[in-house]
C-alpha atoms as a PDB file:
ATOM      1  CA  MET A   1     -26.474-102.654 260.959  1.00  0.00           C
ATOM      2  CA  ASN A   2     -28.965-102.490 263.929  1.00  0.00           C
ATOM      3  CA  ALA A   3     -28.059-105.442 265.991  1.00  0.00           C
ATOM      4  CA  THR A   4     -29.613-105.833 269.485  1.00  0.00           C
ATOM      5  CA  PRO A   5     -26.752-106.687 271.847  1.00  0.00           C
ATOM      6  CA  THR A   6     -27.153-109.280 274.400  1.00  0.00           C
ATOM      7  CA  PRO A   7     -26.857-107.574 277.790  1.00  0.00           C
ATOM      8  CA  THR A   8     -23.194-107.827 279.111  1.00  0.00           C
ATOM      9  CA  PRO A   9     -21.652-106.099 282.007  1.00  0.00           C
ATOM     10  CA  ALA A  10     -19.349-103.471 280.635  1.00  0.00           C
ATOM     11  CA  THR A  11     -16.480-104.315 283.133  1.00  0.00           C
ATOM     12  CA  ASP A  12     -16.286-107.724 281.384  1.00  0.00           C
ATOM     13  CA  LEU A  13     -15.764-106.113 277.897  1.00  0.00           C
ATOM     14  CA  PRO A  14     -12.380-104.930 276.366  1.00  0.00           C
ATOM     15  CA  ASP A  15     -11.676-101.216 275.604  1.00  0.00           C
ATOM     16  CA  LEU A  16     -12.189-101.254 271.854  1.00  0.00           C
ATOM     17  CA  ARG A  17     -11.473 -97.705 271.314  1.00  0.00           C
ATOM     18  CA  PRO A  18      -7.988 -98.106 269.673  1.00  0.00           C
ATOM     19  CA  GLN A  19      -9.550-100.929 267.531  1.00  0.00           C
ATOM     20  CA  LEU A  20     -12.585 -98.735 266.275  1.00  0.00           C
ATOM     21  CA  ALA A  21     -10.222 -95.984 265.480  1.00  0.00           C
ATOM     22  CA  ARG A  22      -8.054 -98.120 263.383  1.00  0.00           C
ATOM     23  CA  ALA A  23     -11.019 -99.731 261.671  1.00  0.00           C
ATOM     24  CA  GLN A  24     -12.308 -96.316 260.828  1.00  0.00           C
ATOM     25  CA  GLN A  25      -8.831 -95.228 259.395  1.00  0.00           C
ATOM     26  CA  TRP A  26      -8.891 -98.427 257.144  1.00  0.00           C
ATOM     27  CA  VAL A  27     -12.283 -97.469 255.899  1.00  0.00           C
ATOM     28  CA  GLU A  28     -11.027 -93.987 255.099  1.00  0.00           C
ATOM     29  CA  THR A  29      -8.303 -95.321 252.981  1.00  0.00           C
ATOM     30  CA  LEU A  30     -10.934 -97.471 251.074  1.00  0.00           C
ATOM     31  CA  ILE A  31     -13.123 -94.407 250.465  1.00  0.00           C
ATOM     32  CA  ALA A  32     -10.105 -92.668 249.083  1.00  0.00           C
ATOM     33  CA  GLY A  33      -9.479 -95.491 246.680  1.00  0.00           C
ATOM     34  CA  VAL A  34     -12.902 -95.219 245.062  1.00  0.00           C
ATOM     35  CA  ALA A  35     -13.058 -94.099 241.440  1.00  0.00           C
ATOM     36  CA  PRO A  36     -15.775 -91.668 240.533  1.00  0.00           C
ATOM     37  CA  GLU A  37     -17.330 -94.174 237.942  1.00  0.00           C
ATOM     38  CA  GLN A  38     -17.690 -96.731 240.822  1.00  0.00           C
ATOM     39  CA  PHE A  39     -20.236 -94.680 242.751  1.00  0.00           C
ATOM     40  CA  GLY A  40     -22.984 -96.519 241.230  1.00  0.00           C
ATOM     41  CA  ASN A  41     -21.688-100.030 241.888  1.00  0.00           C
ATOM     42  CA  PRO A  42     -23.810-102.521 243.811  1.00  0.00           C
ATOM     43  CA  THR A  43     -22.437-103.670 247.156  1.00  0.00           C
ATOM     44  CA  PRO A  44     -22.960-106.839 249.365  1.00  0.00           C
ATOM     45  CA  CYS A  45     -25.270-104.788 251.419  1.00  0.00           C
ATOM     46  CA  GLU A  46     -28.342-104.831 248.996  1.00  0.00           C
ATOM     47  CA  GLU A  47     -29.849-101.629 250.111  1.00  0.00           C
ATOM     48  CA  PHE A  48     -26.787 -99.559 249.235  1.00  0.00           C
ATOM     49  CA  ASP A  49     -24.815 -98.713 246.061  1.00  0.00           C
ATOM     50  CA  VAL A  50     -21.338 -97.559 246.733  1.00  0.00           C
ATOM     51  CA  ARG A  51     -22.468 -93.811 246.840  1.00  0.00           C
ATOM     52  CA  THR A  52     -25.164 -94.459 249.514  1.00  0.00           C
ATOM     53  CA  LEU A  53     -22.768 -96.968 251.449  1.00  0.00           C
ATOM     54  CA  ILE A  54     -20.330 -94.114 251.982  1.00  0.00           C
ATOM     55  CA  GLY A  55     -23.227 -92.033 253.150  1.00  0.00           C
ATOM     56  CA  HIS A  56     -24.014 -94.548 255.636  1.00  0.00           C
ATOM     57  CA  LEU A  57     -20.394 -94.912 256.877  1.00  0.00           C
ATOM     58  CA  TYR A  58     -20.490 -91.089 257.388  1.00  0.00           C
ATOM     59  CA  THR A  59     -23.470 -91.397 259.683  1.00  0.00           C
ATOM     60  CA  GLY A  60     -22.036 -94.379 261.443  1.00  0.00           C
ATOM     61  CA  ALA A  61     -19.144 -92.264 262.376  1.00  0.00           C
ATOM     62  CA  GLN A  62     -21.499 -89.441 263.531  1.00  0.00           C
ATOM     63  CA  ARG A  63     -23.532 -91.796 265.568  1.00  0.00           C
ATOM     64  CA  THR A  64     -20.572 -93.160 267.467  1.00  0.00           C
ATOM     65  CA  GLU A  65     -19.522 -89.462 268.295  1.00  0.00           C
ATOM     66  CA  VAL A  66     -23.054 -88.635 269.375  1.00  0.00           C
ATOM     67  CA  MET A  67     -23.209 -91.632 271.683  1.00  0.00           C
ATOM     68  CA  ALA A  68     -19.918 -90.773 273.348  1.00  0.00           C
ATOM     69  CA  ARG A  69     -21.109 -87.226 274.043  1.00  0.00           C
ATOM     70  CA  GLY A  70     -24.292 -88.748 275.745  1.00  0.00           C
ATOM     71  CA  GLY A  71     -26.631 -87.910 272.933  1.00  0.00           C
ATOM     72  CA  ASP A  72     -29.160 -90.183 271.073  1.00  0.00           C
ATOM     73  CA  ALA A  73     -27.608 -91.920 267.953  1.00  0.00           C
ATOM     74  CA  ARG A  74     -31.122 -92.156 266.434  1.00  0.00           C
ATOM     75  CA  SER A  75     -30.967 -88.365 265.939  1.00  0.00           C
ATOM     76  CA  VAL A  76     -28.433 -88.967 263.307  1.00  0.00           C
ATOM     77  CA  PRO A  77     -29.974 -90.108 259.972  1.00  0.00           C
ATOM     78  CA  PHE A  78     -29.431 -93.683 258.715  1.00  0.00           C
ATOM     79  CA  VAL A  79     -27.715 -92.544 255.751  1.00  0.00           C
ATOM     80  CA  VAL A  80     -26.604 -89.087 254.541  1.00  0.00           C
ATOM     81  CA  ASP A  81     -27.296 -87.844 251.036  1.00  0.00           C
ATOM     82  CA  LEU A  82     -23.920 -86.885 249.602  1.00  0.00           C
ATOM     83  CA  ALA A  83     -23.995 -83.696 247.431  1.00  0.00           C
ATOM     84  CA  ASP A  84     -22.832 -84.097 243.950  1.00  0.00           C
ATOM     85  CA  GLY A  85     -20.094 -81.566 244.609  1.00  0.00           C
ATOM     86  CA  ASP A  86     -18.635 -83.846 247.297  1.00  0.00           C
ATOM     87  CA  LEU A  87     -18.177 -86.886 244.934  1.00  0.00           C
ATOM     88  CA  THR A  88     -14.577 -87.049 244.562  1.00  0.00           C
ATOM     89  CA  ALA A  89     -12.699 -89.673 246.498  1.00  0.00           C
ATOM     90  CA  GLY A  90     -10.440 -87.240 248.220  1.00  0.00           C
ATOM     91  CA  ASP A  91     -13.252 -84.860 249.267  1.00  0.00           C
ATOM     92  CA  LEU A  92     -15.257 -87.910 250.562  1.00  0.00           C
ATOM     93  CA  ALA A  93     -12.261 -89.174 252.458  1.00  0.00           C
ATOM     94  CA  ALA A  94     -11.591 -85.864 253.968  1.00  0.00           C
ATOM     95  CA  GLY A  95     -15.188 -85.582 255.133  1.00  0.00           C
ATOM     96  CA  TYR A  96     -15.150 -89.180 256.608  1.00  0.00           C
ATOM     97  CA  HIS A  97     -11.907 -88.286 258.265  1.00  0.00           C
ATOM     98  CA  GLU A  98     -13.381 -85.138 259.998  1.00  0.00           C
ATOM     99  CA  ARG A  99     -16.062 -87.323 261.434  1.00  0.00           C
ATOM    100  CA  ILE A 100     -13.974 -90.187 262.674  1.00  0.00           C
ATOM    101  CA  GLU A 101     -11.612 -87.801 264.389  1.00  0.00           C
ATOM    102  CA  ALA A 102     -14.589 -86.171 266.085  1.00  0.00           C
ATOM    103  CA  SER A 103     -15.662 -89.601 267.116  1.00  0.00           C
ATOM    104  CA  ARG A 104     -12.073 -90.477 268.447  1.00  0.00           C
ATOM    105  CA  ARG A 105     -12.020 -87.312 270.433  1.00  0.00           C
ATOM    106  CA  ALA A 106     -15.288 -87.868 272.084  1.00  0.00           C
ATOM    107  CA  TRP A 107     -14.505 -91.401 273.097  1.00  0.00           C
ATOM    108  CA  SER A 108     -11.164 -90.557 274.441  1.00  0.00           C
ATOM    109  CA  VAL A 109     -12.899 -88.956 277.524  1.00  0.00           C
ATOM    110  CA  ALA A 110     -16.034 -90.935 277.574  1.00  0.00           C
ATOM    111  CA  ASP A 111     -16.824 -93.490 280.340  1.00  0.00           C
ATOM    112  CA  LEU A 112     -17.229 -97.021 278.721  1.00  0.00           C
ATOM    113  CA  ASN A 113     -19.266 -98.085 281.700  1.00  0.00           C
ATOM    114  CA  ALA A 114     -21.944 -95.347 280.957  1.00  0.00           C
ATOM    115  CA  THR A 115     -25.126 -96.320 279.238  1.00  0.00           C
ATOM    116  CA  VAL A 116     -25.374 -94.879 275.876  1.00  0.00           C
ATOM    117  CA  THR A 117     -28.404 -94.549 273.529  1.00  0.00           C
ATOM    118  CA  ALA A 118     -27.637 -96.592 270.479  1.00  0.00           C
ATOM    119  CA  PRO A 119     -29.820 -97.150 267.318  1.00  0.00           C
ATOM    120  CA  TRP A 120     -31.205-100.337 268.827  1.00  0.00           C
ATOM    121  CA  GLY A 121     -31.829 -98.943 272.386  1.00  0.00           C
ATOM    122  CA  ARG A 122     -29.798 -98.309 275.646  1.00  0.00           C
ATOM    123  CA  ALA A 123     -26.571-100.155 276.160  1.00  0.00           C
ATOM    124  CA  PRO A 124     -23.331 -99.847 277.793  1.00  0.00           C
ATOM    125  CA  GLY A 125     -20.659 -97.825 275.904  1.00  0.00           C
ATOM    126  CA  ALA A 126     -18.307-100.714 275.658  1.00  0.00           C
ATOM    127  CA  VAL A 127     -21.082-102.834 273.923  1.00  0.00           C
ATOM    128  CA  ALA A 128     -21.843-100.127 271.407  1.00  0.00           C
ATOM    129  CA  LEU A 129     -18.079 -99.854 270.555  1.00  0.00           C
ATOM    130  CA  GLY A 130     -17.976-103.479 269.835  1.00  0.00           C
ATOM    131  CA  VAL A 131     -21.124-103.162 267.424  1.00  0.00           C
ATOM    132  CA  TYR A 132     -19.636-100.264 265.558  1.00  0.00           C
ATOM    133  CA  LEU A 133     -16.182-101.942 265.271  1.00  0.00           C
ATOM    134  CA  GLN A 134     -17.940-104.872 263.471  1.00  0.00           C
ATOM    135  CA  GLU A 135     -20.033-102.491 261.500  1.00  0.00           C
ATOM    136  CA  ALA A 136     -17.072-100.404 260.236  1.00  0.00           C
ATOM    137  CA  LEU A 137     -15.132-103.498 259.188  1.00  0.00           C
ATOM    138  CA  THR A 138     -18.204-105.149 257.578  1.00  0.00           C
ATOM    139  CA  HIS A 139     -19.042-102.118 255.616  1.00  0.00           C
ATOM    140  CA  GLY A 140     -15.311-101.582 254.834  1.00  0.00           C
ATOM    141  CA  TRP A 141     -15.264-105.175 253.222  1.00  0.00           C
ATOM    142  CA  ASP A 142     -18.566-104.207 251.436  1.00  0.00           C
ATOM    143  CA  LEU A 143     -16.819-101.207 250.072  1.00  0.00           C
ATOM    144  CA  ALA A 144     -13.619-102.823 249.129  1.00  0.00           C
ATOM    145  CA  VAL A 145     -15.068-105.781 247.192  1.00  0.00           C
ATOM    146  CA  ALA A 146     -17.593-103.574 245.384  1.00  0.00           C
ATOM    147  CA  THR A 147     -14.740-101.334 244.189  1.00  0.00           C
ATOM    148  CA  GLY A 148     -12.054-103.966 243.608  1.00  0.00           C
ATOM    149  CA  GLN A 149      -9.568-103.051 246.566  1.00  0.00           C
ATOM    150  CA  PRO A 150      -7.964-105.189 249.120  1.00  0.00           C
ATOM    151  CA  SER A 151     -10.615-106.451 251.327  1.00  0.00           C
ATOM    152  CA  GLU A 152      -8.676-107.901 254.324  1.00  0.00           C
ATOM    153  CA  ALA A 153      -8.466-105.859 257.403  1.00  0.00           C
ATOM    154  CA  ASP A 154      -5.876-106.366 260.156  1.00  0.00           C
ATOM    155  CA  ARG A 155      -6.148-109.709 261.687  1.00  0.00           C
ATOM    156  CA  ASP A 156      -6.478-108.554 265.247  1.00  0.00           C
ATOM    157  CA  LEU A 157      -9.397-106.231 264.303  1.00  0.00           C
ATOM    158  CA  ALA A 158     -11.176-108.722 262.356  1.00  0.00           C
ATOM    159  CA  GLU A 159     -10.905-111.199 265.236  1.00  0.00           C
ATOM    160  CA  ALA A 160     -12.066-108.657 267.867  1.00  0.00           C
ATOM    161  CA  ALA A 161     -14.842-107.640 265.785  1.00  0.00           C
ATOM    162  CA  LEU A 162     -16.003-111.289 265.428  1.00  0.00           C
ATOM    163  CA  VAL A 163     -15.854-111.744 269.258  1.00  0.00           C
ATOM    164  CA  ALA A 164     -18.025-108.608 269.605  1.00  0.00           C
ATOM    165  CA  GLY A 165     -20.299-109.723 266.808  1.00  0.00           C
ATOM    166  CA  LYS A 166     -20.920-113.164 268.347  1.00  0.00           C
ATOM    167  CA  ALA A 167     -21.853-111.396 271.653  1.00  0.00           C
ATOM    168  CA  ALA A 168     -24.102-108.760 270.027  1.00  0.00           C
ATOM    169  CA  LEU A 169     -25.710-110.680 267.462  1.00  0.00           C
ATOM    170  CA  PRO A 170     -26.279-114.396 268.277  1.00  0.00           C
ATOM    171  CA  ALA A 171     -26.810-116.929 265.565  1.00  0.00           C
ATOM    172  CA  GLU A 172     -30.225-117.763 266.621  1.00  0.00           C
ATOM    173  CA  GLN A 173     -31.660-114.103 266.689  1.00  0.00           C
ATOM    174  CA  ARG A 174     -31.927-113.362 262.989  1.00  0.00           C
ATOM    175  CA  GLY A 175     -34.829-111.941 260.981  1.00  0.00           C
ATOM    176  CA  GLY A 176     -37.798-109.704 261.983  1.00  0.00           C
ATOM    177  CA  SER A 177     -36.338-106.671 263.846  1.00  0.00           C
ATOM    178  CA  ILE A 178     -32.739-108.046 263.438  1.00  0.00           C
ATOM    179  CA  PRO A 179     -32.071-107.391 259.757  1.00  0.00           C
ATOM    180  CA  PHE A 180     -29.379-110.027 259.278  1.00  0.00           C
ATOM    181  CA  GLY A 181     -29.499-113.255 257.380  1.00  0.00           C
ATOM    182  CA  PRO A 182     -28.494-116.727 258.831  1.00  0.00           C
ATOM    183  CA  VAL A 183     -24.925-117.217 259.587  1.00  0.00           C
ATOM    184  CA  VAL A 184     -22.767-118.349 256.351  1.00  0.00           C
ATOM    185  CA  GLU A 185     -20.575-121.173 256.973  1.00  0.00           C
ATOM    186  CA  PRO A 186     -16.923-119.866 256.280  1.00  0.00           C
ATOM    187  CA  ASP A 187     -14.928-121.740 253.749  1.00  0.00           C
ATOM    188  CA  PRO A 188     -11.981-123.803 255.278  1.00  0.00           C
ATOM    189  CA  ASP A 189      -9.580-121.338 254.138  1.00  0.00           C
ATOM    190  CA  ALA A 190     -11.562-118.201 254.886  1.00  0.00           C
ATOM    191  CA  THR A 191      -9.516-115.147 256.111  1.00  0.00           C
ATOM    192  CA  PRO A 192     -10.290-113.554 259.533  1.00  0.00           C
ATOM    193  CA  THR A 193     -12.228-110.765 257.727  1.00  0.00           C
ATOM    194  CA  GLU A 194     -14.259-113.183 255.779  1.00  0.00           C
ATOM    195  CA  ARG A 195     -15.214-115.094 258.848  1.00  0.00           C
ATOM    196  CA  MET A 196     -16.354-111.922 260.606  1.00  0.00           C
ATOM    197  CA  VAL A 197     -18.362-111.035 257.424  1.00  0.00           C
ATOM    198  CA  ASN A 198     -19.826-114.464 257.248  1.00  0.00           C
ATOM    199  CA  TRP A 199     -21.183-113.999 260.759  1.00  0.00           C
ATOM    200  CA  THR A 200     -23.352-111.056 259.533  1.00  0.00           C
ATOM    201  CA  GLY A 201     -24.958-113.384 256.912  1.00  0.00           C
ATOM    202  CA  ARG A 202     -22.864-112.353 253.997  1.00  0.00           C
ATOM    203  CA  SER A 203     -21.556-114.723 251.389  1.00  0.00           C
ATOM    204  CA  THR A 204     -17.886-113.832 250.820  1.00  0.00           C
ATOM    205  CA  ALA A 205     -17.555-116.634 248.273  1.00  0.00           C
ATOM    206  CA  ARG A 206     -20.233-115.081 246.154  1.00  0.00           C
ATOM    207  CA  TRP A 207     -18.507-111.833 245.964  1.00  0.00           C
ATOM    208  CA  ALA A 208     -15.092-113.505 245.352  1.00  0.00           C
ATOM    209  CA  LYS A 209     -16.443-115.215 242.280  1.00  0.00           C
ATOM    210  CA  ALA A 210     -18.130-111.943 241.104  1.00  0.00           C
ATOM    211  CA  ALA A 211     -14.686-110.133 241.433  1.00  0.00           C
ATOM    212  CA  GLY A 212     -13.096-113.068 239.637  1.00  0.00           C
END
């Protein structure tokens, strides 16, 4: 996800470091639940199968660490090629755990008001955290529905991610350099995570039917 955030004073934004850490921990449990025969499964993110989606989650965690340390997130590849020897759920989850712990440590001493270099350009650290909170939860949902795992994140995380997503990815700025489809209208009984995912242009109903 490479949204272009709308400029917002960092002082007006919440500190989402605890929420990002929890979202990444949720993703770690999902990676641990992937069966080897599911690595080739398609995902709602059409450019990724399960294997490459996990590789993209790896680099997302690395990018957050690099930004917190004052580096350029674009120095980290969009997706890492996972070696065949790493393709067990336990090894993949352990590898992701190492990356999110490095990210957590880096952000614990970072200045949220400082400008960081994100994949889409320069932004306050607090804005970048909100974007990566939404990315972690959205791709967590992608991974969960692609592998038949429970796909609902904690309500407070999904609601915080939706607020951040609406600020960073307005409904009218879709297409072109912003690789997201139009907002999908949530079902009346949509869950908080589904509503957050719908904002990114994904059809949760389509994948619910596929799973059924």
